Amino acid sequence: MKNLGNLMKQAQQMQQRMAELQERLAGMEVTGASAGGAVQVVVNGKGETRRIKLDPTLVKPGEVEVLEDLIVAACNDAKAKVEATMQEEMRRLTGGIDLPPGLKLPF
């Protein structure tokens, strides 16, 4: 029973660290870019788009579809960076133990 008590204590500590990680990630901002930085998208740790910055030379009549594609690419770049950061933080939190496939924490 002593081991069970230790296991419960460790689980509570892990839960607290996970809550701290969620809070830290929510305050984090990551910038994704496309077209060599001409399109930039800032996303928070929850994956919410916060800002978009466009190089004014990209805004040309008749090329709206290209600009739309560049914005999507920058959003995807930012999202991938957030996910990579979250995975790295989770590895640190779990002491390098990989979580089972399909188990997505902290969200």
PDB file of N, CA and C in Angstrom:
ATOM      1  N   MET A   1       0.809  -1.199   0.000  1.00  0.00           N
ATOM      2  CA  MET A   1       0.000   0.000   0.000  1.00  0.00           C
ATOM      3  C   MET A   1       0.853   1.265   0.000  1.00  0.00           C
ATOM      4  N   LYS A   2       2.063   1.172   0.517  1.00  0.00           N
ATOM      5  CA  LYS A   2       2.940   2.327   0.545  1.00  0.00           C
ATOM      6  C   LYS A   2       3.252   2.783  -0.885  1.00  0.00           C
ATOM      7  N   ASN A   3       3.448   1.816  -1.799  1.00  0.00           N
ATOM      8  CA  ASN A   3       3.716   2.148  -3.200  1.00  0.00           C
ATOM      9  C   ASN A   3       2.518   2.829  -3.851  1.00  0.00           C
ATOM     10  N   LEU A   4       1.319   2.418  -3.486  1.00  0.00           N
ATOM     11  CA  LEU A   4       0.110   3.032  -4.020  1.00  0.00           C
ATOM     12  C   LEU A   4       0.015   4.487  -3.580  1.00  0.00           C
ATOM     13  N   GLY A   5       0.356   4.745  -2.339  1.00  0.00           N
ATOM     14  CA  GLY A   5       0.351   6.117  -1.826  1.00  0.00           C
ATOM     15  C   GLY A   5       1.358   6.986  -2.567  1.00  0.00           C
ATOM     16  N   ASN A   6       2.552   6.438  -2.824  1.00  0.00           N
ATOM     17  CA  ASN A   6       3.572   7.168  -3.583  1.00  0.00           C
ATOM     18  C   ASN A   6       3.109   7.418  -5.020  1.00  0.00           C
ATOM     19  N   LEU A   7       2.464   6.420  -5.594  1.00  0.00           N
ATOM     20  CA  LEU A   7       1.973   6.551  -6.960  1.00  0.00           C
ATOM     21  C   LEU A   7       0.910   7.654  -7.043  1.00  0.00           C
ATOM     22  N   MET A   8       0.031   7.696  -6.070  1.00  0.00           N
ATOM     23  CA  MET A   8      -1.010   8.734  -6.036  1.00  0.00           C
ATOM     24  C   MET A   8      -0.381  10.120  -5.881  1.00  0.00           C
ATOM     25  N   LYS A   9       0.623  10.213  -5.046  1.00  0.00           N
ATOM     26  CA  LYS A   9       1.308  11.490  -4.837  1.00  0.00           C
ATOM     27  C   LYS A   9       1.978  11.943  -6.131  1.00  0.00           C
ATOM     28  N   GLN A  10       2.623  11.007  -6.827  1.00  0.00           N
ATOM     29  CA  GLN A  10       3.273  11.336  -8.089  1.00  0.00           C
ATOM     30  C   GLN A  10       2.249  11.773  -9.136  1.00  0.00           C
ATOM     31  N   ALA A  11       1.105  11.121  -9.154  1.00  0.00           N
ATOM     32  CA  ALA A  11       0.046  11.479 -10.100  1.00  0.00           C
ATOM     33  C   ALA A  11      -0.460  12.891  -9.826  1.00  0.00           C
ATOM     34  N   GLN A  12      -0.609  13.244  -8.558  1.00  0.00           N
ATOM     35  CA  GLN A  12      -1.059  14.592  -8.201  1.00  0.00           C
ATOM     36  C   GLN A  12      -0.012  15.626  -8.611  1.00  0.00           C
ATOM     37  N   GLN A  13       1.264  15.312  -8.402  1.00  0.00           N
ATOM     38  CA  GLN A  13       2.325  16.231  -8.803  1.00  0.00           C
ATOM     39  C   GLN A  13       2.343  16.406 -10.320  1.00  0.00           C
ATOM     40  N   MET A  14       2.154  15.314 -11.046  1.00  0.00           N
ATOM     41  CA  MET A  14       2.117  15.371 -12.510  1.00  0.00           C
ATOM     42  C   MET A  14       0.937  16.228 -12.971  1.00  0.00           C
ATOM     43  N   GLN A  15      -0.196  16.077 -12.326  1.00  0.00           N
ATOM     44  CA  GLN A  15      -1.372  16.855 -12.676  1.00  0.00           C
ATOM     45  C   GLN A  15      -1.118  18.345 -12.443  1.00  0.00           C
ATOM     46  N   GLN A  16      -0.462  18.675 -11.360  1.00  0.00           N
ATOM     47  CA  GLN A  16      -0.154  20.074 -11.066  1.00  0.00           C
ATOM     48  C   GLN A  16       0.828  20.633 -12.104  1.00  0.00           C
ATOM     49  N   ARG A  17       1.851  19.856 -12.439  1.00  0.00           N
ATOM     50  CA  ARG A  17       2.817  20.309 -13.441  1.00  0.00           C
ATOM     51  C   ARG A  17       2.151  20.475 -14.807  1.00  0.00           C
ATOM     52  N   MET A  18       1.207  19.601 -15.117  1.00  0.00           N
ATOM     53  CA  MET A  18       0.492  19.683 -16.375  1.00  0.00           C
ATOM     54  C   MET A  18      -0.356  20.960 -16.438  1.00  0.00           C
ATOM     55  N   ALA A  19      -1.002  21.299 -15.344  1.00  0.00           N
ATOM     56  CA  ALA A  19      -1.789  22.535 -15.284  1.00  0.00           C
ATOM     57  C   ALA A  19      -0.885  23.750 -15.471  1.00  0.00           C
ATOM     58  N   GLU A  20       0.296  23.715 -14.859  1.00  0.00           N
ATOM     59  CA  GLU A  20       1.258  24.810 -15.032  1.00  0.00           C
ATOM     60  C   GLU A  20       1.721  24.897 -16.481  1.00  0.00           C
ATOM     61  N   LEU A  21       1.930  23.754 -17.104  1.00  0.00           N
ATOM     62  CA  LEU A  21       2.347  23.712 -18.503  1.00  0.00           C
ATOM     63  C   LEU A  21       1.261  24.304 -19.394  1.00  0.00           C
ATOM     64  N   GLN A  22       0.018  23.944 -19.154  1.00  0.00           N
ATOM     65  CA  GLN A  22      -1.090  24.485 -19.940  1.00  0.00           C
ATOM     66  C   GLN A  22      -1.131  26.002 -19.839  1.00  0.00           C
ATOM     67  N   GLU A  23      -0.955  26.514 -18.649  1.00  0.00           N
ATOM     68  CA  GLU A  23      -0.974  27.960 -18.440  1.00  0.00           C
ATOM     69  C   GLU A  23       0.188  28.631 -19.179  1.00  0.00           C
ATOM     70  N   ARG A  24       1.366  28.016 -19.093  1.00  0.00           N
ATOM     71  CA  ARG A  24       2.542  28.572 -19.754  1.00  0.00           C
ATOM     72  C   ARG A  24       2.365  28.552 -21.277  1.00  0.00           C
ATOM     73  N   LEU A  25       1.840  27.455 -21.807  1.00  0.00           N
ATOM     74  CA  LEU A  25       1.632  27.350 -23.245  1.00  0.00           C
ATOM     75  C   LEU A  25       0.573  28.328 -23.735  1.00  0.00           C
ATOM     76  N   ALA A  26      -0.471  28.548 -22.955  1.00  0.00           N
ATOM     77  CA  ALA A  26      -1.525  29.482 -23.354  1.00  0.00           C
ATOM     78  C   ALA A  26      -0.968  30.892 -23.520  1.00  0.00           C
ATOM     79  N   GLY A  27       0.032  31.261 -22.729  1.00  0.00           N
ATOM     80  CA  GLY A  27       0.622  32.590 -22.813  1.00  0.00           C
ATOM     81  C   GLY A  27       1.700  32.709 -23.879  1.00  0.00           C
ATOM     82  N   MET A  28       2.110  31.601 -24.452  1.00  0.00           N
ATOM     83  CA  MET A  28       3.166  31.576 -25.450  1.00  0.00           C
ATOM     84  C   MET A  28       2.624  32.022 -26.812  1.00  0.00           C
ATOM     85  N   GLU A  29       3.444  32.675 -27.597  1.00  0.00           N
ATOM     86  CA  GLU A  29       3.090  33.017 -28.966  1.00  0.00           C
ATOM     87  C   GLU A  29       4.187  32.526 -29.901  1.00  0.00           C
ATOM     88  N   VAL A  30       3.770  31.966 -31.042  1.00  0.00           N
ATOM     89  CA  VAL A  30       4.688  31.432 -32.036  1.00  0.00           C
ATOM     90  C   VAL A  30       4.338  32.067 -33.374  1.00  0.00           C
ATOM     91  N   THR A  31       5.364  32.420 -34.139  1.00  0.00           N
ATOM     92  CA  THR A  31       5.144  33.019 -35.452  1.00  0.00           C
ATOM     93  C   THR A  31       5.443  32.005 -36.542  1.00  0.00           C
ATOM     94  N   GLY A  32       4.473  31.825 -37.422  1.00  0.00           N
ATOM     95  CA  GLY A  32       4.669  31.003 -38.607  1.00  0.00           C
ATOM     96  C   GLY A  32       4.804  31.929 -39.799  1.00  0.00           C
ATOM     97  N   ALA A  33       5.507  31.487 -40.820  1.00  0.00           N
ATOM     98  CA  ALA A  33       5.736  32.355 -41.967  1.00  0.00           C
ATOM     99  C   ALA A  33       5.687  31.569 -43.267  1.00  0.00           C
ATOM    100  N   SER A  34       5.424  32.309 -44.340  1.00  0.00           N
ATOM    101  CA  SER A  34       5.521  31.748 -45.682  1.00  0.00           C
ATOM    102  C   SER A  34       6.041  32.856 -46.595  1.00  0.00           C
ATOM    103  N   ALA A  35       6.373  32.481 -47.806  1.00  0.00           N
ATOM    104  CA  ALA A  35       6.896  33.426 -48.802  1.00  0.00           C
ATOM    105  C   ALA A  35       8.101  34.184 -48.248  1.00  0.00           C
ATOM    106  N   GLY A  36       8.991  33.463 -47.596  1.00  0.00           N
ATOM    107  CA  GLY A  36      10.209  34.081 -47.073  1.00  0.00           C
ATOM    108  C   GLY A  36       9.962  35.127 -46.008  1.00  0.00           C
ATOM    109  N   GLY A  37       8.873  34.987 -45.268  1.00  0.00           N
ATOM    110  CA  GLY A  37       8.561  35.924 -44.192  1.00  0.00           C
ATOM    111  C   GLY A  37       7.638  37.059 -44.619  1.00  0.00           C
ATOM    112  N   ALA A  38       7.230  37.075 -45.878  1.00  0.00           N
ATOM    113  CA  ALA A  38       6.334  38.133 -46.346  1.00  0.00           C
ATOM    114  C   ALA A  38       4.940  38.000 -45.735  1.00  0.00           C
ATOM    115  N   VAL A  39       4.568  36.770 -45.376  1.00  0.00           N
ATOM    116  CA  VAL A  39       3.305  36.518 -44.680  1.00  0.00           C
ATOM    117  C   VAL A  39       3.659  35.906 -43.344  1.00  0.00           C
ATOM    118  N   GLN A  40       3.217  36.546 -42.272  1.00  0.00           N
ATOM    119  CA  GLN A  40       3.492  36.049 -40.925  1.00  0.00           C
ATOM    120  C   GLN A  40       2.192  35.926 -40.144  1.00  0.00           C
ATOM    121  N   VAL A  41       2.090  34.822 -39.416  1.00  0.00           N
ATOM    122  CA  VAL A  41       0.915  34.568 -38.592  1.00  0.00           C
ATOM    123  C   VAL A  41       1.396  34.253 -37.181  1.00  0.00           C
ATOM    124  N   VAL A  42       0.824  34.938 -36.210  1.00  0.00           N
ATOM    125  CA  VAL A  42       1.163  34.704 -34.809  1.00  0.00           C
ATOM    126  C   VAL A  42       0.019  33.901 -34.187  1.00  0.00           C
ATOM    127  N   VAL A  43       0.389  32.765 -33.579  1.00  0.00           N
ATOM    128  CA  VAL A  43      -0.574  31.846 -32.970  1.00  0.00           C
ATOM    129  C   VAL A  43      -0.183  31.657 -31.514  1.00  0.00           C
ATOM    130  N   ASN A  44      -1.194  31.565 -30.631  1.00  0.00           N
ATOM    131  CA  ASN A  44      -0.871  31.312 -29.227  1.00  0.00           C
ATOM    132  C   ASN A  44      -0.744  29.807 -28.989  1.00  0.00           C
ATOM    133  N   GLY A  45      -0.411  29.442 -27.773  1.00  0.00           N
ATOM    134  CA  GLY A  45      -0.191  28.046 -27.425  1.00  0.00           C
ATOM    135  C   GLY A  45      -1.424  27.176 -27.511  1.00  0.00           C
ATOM    136  N   LYS A  46      -2.585  27.792 -27.635  1.00  0.00           N
ATOM    137  CA  LYS A  46      -3.830  27.037 -27.807  1.00  0.00           C
ATOM    138  C   LYS A  46      -4.158  26.848 -29.281  1.00  0.00           C
ATOM    139  N   GLY A  47      -3.305  27.399 -30.160  1.00  0.00           N
ATOM    140  CA  GLY A  47      -3.544  27.280 -31.591  1.00  0.00           C
ATOM    141  C   GLY A  47      -4.449  28.366 -32.147  1.00  0.00           C
ATOM    142  N   GLU A  48      -4.745  29.385 -31.355  1.00  0.00           N
ATOM    143  CA  GLU A  48      -5.606  30.479 -31.803  1.00  0.00           C
ATOM    144  C   GLU A  48      -4.771  31.517 -32.541  1.00  0.00           C
ATOM    145  N   THR A  49      -5.218  31.925 -33.720  1.00  0.00           N
ATOM    146  CA  THR A  49      -4.517  32.943 -34.488  1.00  0.00           C
ATOM    147  C   THR A  49      -4.697  34.285 -33.795  1.00  0.00           C
ATOM    148  N   ARG A  50      -3.596  34.949 -33.528  1.00  0.00           N
ATOM    149  CA  ARG A  50      -3.638  36.226 -32.812  1.00  0.00           C
ATOM    150  C   ARG A  50      -3.447  37.413 -33.754  1.00  0.00           C
ATOM    151  N   ARG A  51      -2.493  37.309 -34.697  1.00  0.00           N
ATOM    152  CA  ARG A  51      -2.200  38.413 -35.605  1.00  0.00           C
ATOM    153  C   ARG A  51      -1.739  37.860 -36.954  1.00  0.00           C
ATOM    154  N   ILE A  52      -1.981  38.647 -37.985  1.00  0.00           N
ATOM    155  CA  ILE A  52      -1.476  38.342 -39.321  1.00  0.00           C
ATOM    156  C   ILE A  52      -0.790  39.599 -39.830  1.00  0.00           C
ATOM    157  N   LYS A  53       0.410  39.428 -40.380  1.00  0.00           N
ATOM    158  CA  LYS A  53       1.156  40.560 -40.934  1.00  0.00           C
ATOM    159  C   LYS A  53       1.500  40.232 -42.382  1.00  0.00           C
ATOM    160  N   LEU A  54       1.168  41.162 -43.283  1.00  0.00           N
ATOM    161  CA  LEU A  54       1.413  40.968 -44.701  1.00  0.00           C
ATOM    162  C   LEU A  54       2.360  42.042 -45.216  1.00  0.00           C
ATOM    163  N   ASP A  55       3.309  41.633 -46.032  1.00  0.00           N
ATOM    164  CA  ASP A  55       4.161  42.601 -46.723  1.00  0.00           C
ATOM    165  C   ASP A  55       3.270  43.314 -47.747  1.00  0.00           C
ATOM    166  N   PRO A  56       3.225  44.636 -47.719  1.00  0.00           N
ATOM    167  CA  PRO A  56       2.332  45.375 -48.620  1.00  0.00           C
ATOM    168  C   PRO A  56       2.554  45.071 -50.103  1.00  0.00           C
ATOM    169  N   THR A  57       3.736  44.628 -50.482  1.00  0.00           N
ATOM    170  CA  THR A  57       3.989  44.333 -51.898  1.00  0.00           C
ATOM    171  C   THR A  57       3.228  43.101 -52.374  1.00  0.00           C
ATOM    172  N   LEU A  58       2.693  42.303 -51.436  1.00  0.00           N
ATOM    173  CA  LEU A  58       1.936  41.107 -51.810  1.00  0.00           C
ATOM    174  C   LEU A  58       0.513  41.421 -52.241  1.00  0.00           C
ATOM    175  N   VAL A  59       0.008  42.574 -51.842  1.00  0.00           N
ATOM    176  CA  VAL A  59      -1.388  42.909 -52.110  1.00  0.00           C
ATOM    177  C   VAL A  59      -1.486  43.516 -53.514  1.00  0.00           C
ATOM    178  N   LYS A  60      -1.797  42.629 -54.468  1.00  0.00           N
ATOM    179  CA  LYS A  60      -1.896  43.047 -55.870  1.00  0.00           C
ATOM    180  C   LYS A  60      -3.245  42.589 -56.419  1.00  0.00           C
ATOM    181  N   PRO A  61      -3.931  43.470 -57.101  1.00  0.00           N
ATOM    182  CA  PRO A  61      -5.197  43.056 -57.719  1.00  0.00           C
ATOM    183  C   PRO A  61      -4.975  41.848 -58.633  1.00  0.00           C
ATOM    184  N   GLY A  62      -5.895  40.927 -58.592  1.00  0.00           N
ATOM    185  CA  GLY A  62      -5.795  39.751 -59.446  1.00  0.00           C
ATOM    186  C   GLY A  62      -4.967  38.622 -58.864  1.00  0.00           C
ATOM    187  N   GLU A  63      -4.308  38.834 -57.736  1.00  0.00           N
ATOM    188  CA  GLU A  63      -3.489  37.790 -57.125  1.00  0.00           C
ATOM    189  C   GLU A  63      -3.970  37.439 -55.722  1.00  0.00           C
ATOM    190  N   VAL A  64      -5.238  37.647 -55.477  1.00  0.00           N
ATOM    191  CA  VAL A  64      -5.812  37.386 -54.158  1.00  0.00           C
ATOM    192  C   VAL A  64      -5.687  35.912 -53.790  1.00  0.00           C
ATOM    193  N   GLU A  65      -5.893  35.013 -54.744  1.00  0.00           N
ATOM    194  CA  GLU A  65      -5.817  33.580 -54.451  1.00  0.00           C
ATOM    195  C   GLU A  65      -4.425  33.181 -53.977  1.00  0.00           C
ATOM    196  N   VAL A  66      -3.403  33.757 -54.571  1.00  0.00           N
ATOM    197  CA  VAL A  66      -2.027  33.470 -54.150  1.00  0.00           C
ATOM    198  C   VAL A  66      -1.831  33.931 -52.710  1.00  0.00           C
ATOM    199  N   LEU A  67      -2.296  35.119 -52.401  1.00  0.00           N
ATOM    200  CA  LEU A  67      -2.173  35.655 -51.049  1.00  0.00           C
ATOM    201  C   LEU A  67      -2.921  34.774 -50.055  1.00  0.00           C
ATOM    202  N   GLU A  68      -4.110  34.331 -50.418  1.00  0.00           N
ATOM    203  CA  GLU A  68      -4.877  33.439 -49.539  1.00  0.00           C
ATOM    204  C   GLU A  68      -4.109  32.148 -49.266  1.00  0.00           C
ATOM    205  N   ASP A  69      -3.494  31.589 -50.297  1.00  0.00           N
ATOM    206  CA  ASP A  69      -2.703  30.362 -50.129  1.00  0.00           C
ATOM    207  C   ASP A  69      -1.507  30.594 -49.209  1.00  0.00           C
ATOM    208  N   LEU A  70      -0.875  31.760 -49.333  1.00  0.00           N
ATOM    209  CA  LEU A  70       0.272  32.077 -48.481  1.00  0.00           C
ATOM    210  C   LEU A  70      -0.151  32.222 -47.021  1.00  0.00           C
ATOM    211  N   ILE A  71      -1.315  32.795 -46.780  1.00  0.00           N
ATOM    212  CA  ILE A  71      -1.827  32.941 -45.409  1.00  0.00           C
ATOM    213  C   ILE A  71      -2.087  31.562 -44.805  1.00  0.00           C
ATOM    214  N   VAL A  72      -2.704  30.683 -45.584  1.00  0.00           N
ATOM    215  CA  VAL A  72      -2.950  29.315 -45.100  1.00  0.00           C
ATOM    216  C   VAL A  72      -1.632  28.621 -44.778  1.00  0.00           C
ATOM    217  N   ALA A  73      -0.629  28.778 -45.635  1.00  0.00           N
ATOM    218  CA  ALA A  73       0.668  28.145 -45.398  1.00  0.00           C
ATOM    219  C   ALA A  73       1.319  28.681 -44.126  1.00  0.00           C
ATOM    220  N   ALA A  74       1.210  29.989 -43.892  1.00  0.00           N
ATOM    221  CA  ALA A  74       1.782  30.568 -42.673  1.00  0.00           C
ATOM    222  C   ALA A  74       1.039  30.074 -41.437  1.00  0.00           C
ATOM    223  N   CYS A  75      -0.274  29.952 -41.522  1.00  0.00           N
ATOM    224  CA  CYS A  75      -1.060  29.423 -40.391  1.00  0.00           C
ATOM    225  C   CYS A  75      -0.638  27.989 -40.077  1.00  0.00           C
ATOM    226  N   ASN A  76      -0.486  27.180 -41.109  1.00  0.00           N
ATOM    227  CA  ASN A  76      -0.072  25.793 -40.899  1.00  0.00           C
ATOM    228  C   ASN A  76       1.327  25.710 -40.312  1.00  0.00           C
ATOM    229  N   ASP A  77       2.218  26.598 -40.729  1.00  0.00           N
ATOM    230  CA  ASP A  77       3.576  26.637 -40.190  1.00  0.00           C
ATOM    231  C   ASP A  77       3.541  26.979 -38.699  1.00  0.00           C
ATOM    232  N   ALA A  78       2.743  27.971 -38.336  1.00  0.00           N
ATOM    233  CA  ALA A  78       2.636  28.362 -36.929  1.00  0.00           C
ATOM    234  C   ALA A  78       2.039  27.238 -36.091  1.00  0.00           C
ATOM    235  N   LYS A  79       1.010  26.589 -36.608  1.00  0.00           N
ATOM    236  CA  LYS A  79       0.379  25.491 -35.868  1.00  0.00           C
ATOM    237  C   LYS A  79       1.362  24.340 -35.651  1.00  0.00           C
ATOM    238  N   ALA A  80       2.141  24.016 -36.669  1.00  0.00           N
ATOM    239  CA  ALA A  80       3.132  22.943 -36.539  1.00  0.00           C
ATOM    240  C   ALA A  80       4.167  23.283 -35.477  1.00  0.00           C
ATOM    241  N   LYS A  81       4.560  24.553 -35.401  1.00  0.00           N
ATOM    242  CA  LYS A  81       5.531  24.971 -34.385  1.00  0.00           C
ATOM    243  C   LYS A  81       4.942  24.876 -32.985  1.00  0.00           C
ATOM    244  N   VAL A  82       3.666  25.235 -32.833  1.00  0.00           N
ATOM    245  CA  VAL A  82       3.008  25.112 -31.520  1.00  0.00           C
ATOM    246  C   VAL A  82       2.956  23.644 -31.104  1.00  0.00           C
ATOM    247  N   GLU A  83       2.573  22.769 -32.025  1.00  0.00           N
ATOM    248  CA  GLU A  83       2.482  21.346 -31.709  1.00  0.00           C
ATOM    249  C   GLU A  83       3.848  20.768 -31.350  1.00  0.00           C
ATOM    250  N   ALA A  84       4.889  21.167 -32.054  1.00  0.00           N
ATOM    251  CA  ALA A  84       6.241  20.678 -31.750  1.00  0.00           C
ATOM    252  C   ALA A  84       6.681  21.158 -30.370  1.00  0.00           C
ATOM    253  N   THR A  85       6.367  22.399 -30.039  1.00  0.00           N
ATOM    254  CA  THR A  85       6.714  22.931 -28.720  1.00  0.00           C
ATOM    255  C   THR A  85       5.962  22.183 -27.629  1.00  0.00           C
ATOM    256  N   MET A  86       4.685  21.906 -27.857  1.00  0.00           N
ATOM    257  CA  MET A  86       3.895  21.178 -26.872  1.00  0.00           C
ATOM    258  C   MET A  86       4.453  19.772 -26.656  1.00  0.00           C
ATOM    259  N   GLN A  87       4.831  19.103 -27.738  1.00  0.00           N
ATOM    260  CA  GLN A  87       5.388  17.757 -27.613  1.00  0.00           C
ATOM    261  C   GLN A  87       6.687  17.773 -26.823  1.00  0.00           C
ATOM    262  N   GLU A  88       7.532  18.753 -27.084  1.00  0.00           N
ATOM    263  CA  GLU A  88       8.797  18.858 -26.360  1.00  0.00           C
ATOM    264  C   GLU A  88       8.555  19.127 -24.877  1.00  0.00           C
ATOM    265  N   GLU A  89       7.625  20.010 -24.585  1.00  0.00           N
ATOM    266  CA  GLU A  89       7.303  20.307 -23.185  1.00  0.00           C
ATOM    267  C   GLU A  89       6.723  19.076 -22.486  1.00  0.00           C
ATOM    268  N   MET A  90       5.909  18.312 -23.177  1.00  0.00           N
ATOM    269  CA  MET A  90       5.337  17.097 -22.586  1.00  0.00           C
ATOM    270  C   MET A  90       6.431  16.065 -22.324  1.00  0.00           C
ATOM    271  N   ARG A  91       7.411  15.961 -23.238  1.00  0.00           N
ATOM    272  CA  ARG A  91       8.530  15.037 -23.016  1.00  0.00           C
ATOM    273  C   ARG A  91       9.299  15.426 -21.760  1.00  0.00           C
ATOM    274  N   ARG A  92       9.507  16.732 -21.581  1.00  0.00           N
ATOM    275  CA  ARG A  92      10.190  17.196 -20.369  1.00  0.00           C
ATOM    276  C   ARG A  92       9.370  16.885 -19.134  1.00  0.00           C
ATOM    277  N   LEU A  93       8.061  17.117 -19.231  1.00  0.00           N
ATOM    278  CA  LEU A  93       7.169  16.906 -18.098  1.00  0.00           C
ATOM    279  C   LEU A  93       7.110  15.434 -17.693  1.00  0.00           C
ATOM    280  N   THR A  94       7.107  14.558 -18.683  1.00  0.00           N
ATOM    281  CA  THR A  94       6.991  13.124 -18.392  1.00  0.00           C
ATOM    282  C   THR A  94       8.343  12.449 -18.239  1.00  0.00           C
ATOM    283  N   GLY A  95       9.407  13.232 -18.211  1.00  0.00           N
ATOM    284  CA  GLY A  95      10.737  12.661 -18.035  1.00  0.00           C
ATOM    285  C   GLY A  95      11.215  11.890 -19.241  1.00  0.00           C
ATOM    286  N   GLY A  96      10.754  12.272 -20.433  1.00  0.00           N
ATOM    287  CA  GLY A  96      11.190  11.622 -21.661  1.00  0.00           C
ATOM    288  C   GLY A  96      10.372  10.413 -22.047  1.00  0.00           C
ATOM    289  N   ILE A  97       9.371  10.071 -21.246  1.00  0.00           N
ATOM    290  CA  ILE A  97       8.520   8.923 -21.571  1.00  0.00           C
ATOM    291  C   ILE A  97       7.506   9.363 -22.614  1.00  0.00           C
ATOM    292  N   ASP A  98       7.474   8.667 -23.740  1.00  0.00           N
ATOM    293  CA  ASP A  98       6.494   8.985 -24.772  1.00  0.00           C
ATOM    294  C   ASP A  98       5.133   8.473 -24.347  1.00  0.00           C
ATOM    295  N   LEU A  99       4.120   9.307 -24.575  1.00  0.00           N
ATOM    296  CA  LEU A  99       2.755   8.906 -24.253  1.00  0.00           C
ATOM    297  C   LEU A  99       2.253   7.960 -25.335  1.00  0.00           C
ATOM    298  N   PRO A 100       1.290   7.121 -24.993  1.00  0.00           N
ATOM    299  CA  PRO A 100       0.739   6.191 -25.979  1.00  0.00           C
ATOM    300  C   PRO A 100       0.150   6.949 -27.176  1.00  0.00           C
ATOM    301  N   PRO A 101       0.215   6.369 -28.380  1.00  0.00           N
ATOM    302  CA  PRO A 101      -0.357   7.029 -29.546  1.00  0.00           C
ATOM    303  C   PRO A 101      -1.839   7.338 -29.318  1.00  0.00           C
ATOM    304  N   GLY A 102      -2.252   8.504 -29.756  1.00  0.00           N
ATOM    305  CA  GLY A 102      -3.650   8.903 -29.609  1.00  0.00           C
ATOM    306  C   GLY A 102      -3.933   9.651 -28.320  1.00  0.00           C
ATOM    307  N   LEU A 103      -3.039   9.562 -27.337  1.00  0.00           N
ATOM    308  CA  LEU A 103      -3.232  10.274 -26.067  1.00  0.00           C
ATOM    309  C   LEU A 103      -2.608  11.637 -26.212  1.00  0.00           C
ATOM    310  N   LYS A 104      -3.463  12.664 -26.313  1.00  0.00           N
ATOM    311  CA  LYS A 104      -2.972  14.026 -26.531  1.00  0.00           C
ATOM    312  C   LYS A 104      -3.186  14.826 -25.271  1.00  0.00           C
ATOM    313  N   LEU A 105      -2.101  15.146 -24.646  1.00  0.00           N
ATOM    314  CA  LEU A 105      -2.154  15.974 -23.444  1.00  0.00           C
ATOM    315  C   LEU A 105      -1.344  17.216 -23.730  1.00  0.00           C
ATOM    316  N   PRO A 106      -1.624  18.315 -23.121  1.00  0.00           N
ATOM    317  CA  PRO A 106      -2.580  18.590 -22.066  1.00  0.00           C
ATOM    318  C   PRO A 106      -3.968  18.912 -22.574  1.00  0.00           C
ATOM    319  N   PHE A 107      -4.197  18.957 -23.868  1.00  0.00           N
ATOM    320  CA  PHE A 107      -5.520  19.350 -24.371  1.00  0.00           C
ATOM    321  C   PHE A 107      -6.291  18.160 -24.864  1.00  0.00           C
TER     322      PHE A 107
END
